[in-house]
Amino acid sequence: MTSECRGHGHHGHGHSHGHVNAHASSMQNIKIAFFLNLTFALIELVGGWWTHSVAIQADAIHDFGDSLVLLSALTLQHWSAVAAKGRFTFGFKRLSLLSALGSSIVIFFGSAVIIVAAFARLAEPQMPHLDGMLWLALLGVAVNGYAAWRIGHGDTQNERALSWHMLEDLLGWIAVLIGSIVMRFYHVPWLDPAMSLVIAGFIILGSARNIWASSQLFLQAAPLVDLESIRSDVLRLTDVKSITSLKSWSLDGVHHVASLQVIIPANLDAEARAVIKKSVKDIFAKRGEFDVSVELDEQ
């Protein structure tokens, strides 16, 4: 008995130590990506003005947006390790909604400004400074490629989600690089504002989608899981007669909450009740990260 307890304790300590290391590694990866992104976004603003390239200015807005996303992820990663306390019984995971909504609104209007500038440039096309544009594009591919690689090799869901933002930046810079090469051989000054329209349009669509998704979560919309399938699985459990209430909402799009009222036969013993509650929670766990409250009523 003693040796088993020691073994279990040692395993638990190892698991905890591994979790701490994973958390620290994730924080470090996101920090590196954030500082790279923010520094390069500042370089882009100056470079876009210097090269007269609205495509680079559009990508600067994109990088600033992703810097805000990374900063919110960094803050969330830190607060996710803080236990729920006081009146904040669900912890601080909903901070991500505020940051996601705020950054999406900023990016949306920033991209709208770029679109206005791009149309003005299309009316009076001018060739950007191609050497500067080429070198900035090469630097952009290198910086964003490294950031995408660094975060993409992380262990957490947060890092995997953020890697898509970095890949979007990388693709944007590849487009600018190709455009700068094409304009060296062909006199097509309209290509720069045309690329900026595509980049800014892509950003606006993504921002609008994020604003809508965040708004739905603020209105406590149910998570994107099949609640009817969950209801059917619960009704198939032994001793479950019916479900009178089933509600679910999401804290941040990843962590969800659910409550349900289950009707059971009268006089079930404590062990049978415990089995039902555990089975219900297991059904939800198969669909995602749920905090489930189960109320058993007799009939």
Foldseek 3Di string as FASTA:
>chain_A
DVVVVVVVVVVVVVVVVVVVVLLVLLLVLLVLLLVLLLVLLVVLVVLCVQQVFLLSVLLSLLSVLLSLLSVLLSVLSVQVPPAQDDPRNVGDNLSNLVSLQVSLVSSLVSLVVSLVVLVVCLVPFDATNLVSLQVSLVVQLVSLVVSLVSLCPRDDPSSVVSSVSSVLSNVSSVQSNVVSVVCVPDVDRNVRSVSSNVSSVVSNVVSVVSNVVSVCQVVFHAAPDDVVVLLVQLCPDPQFPHWPDWGKGASHNAAIEIETETEGAPPDDPVVVVVSVVSSVVSVVVGHHYDYHYHYDHD
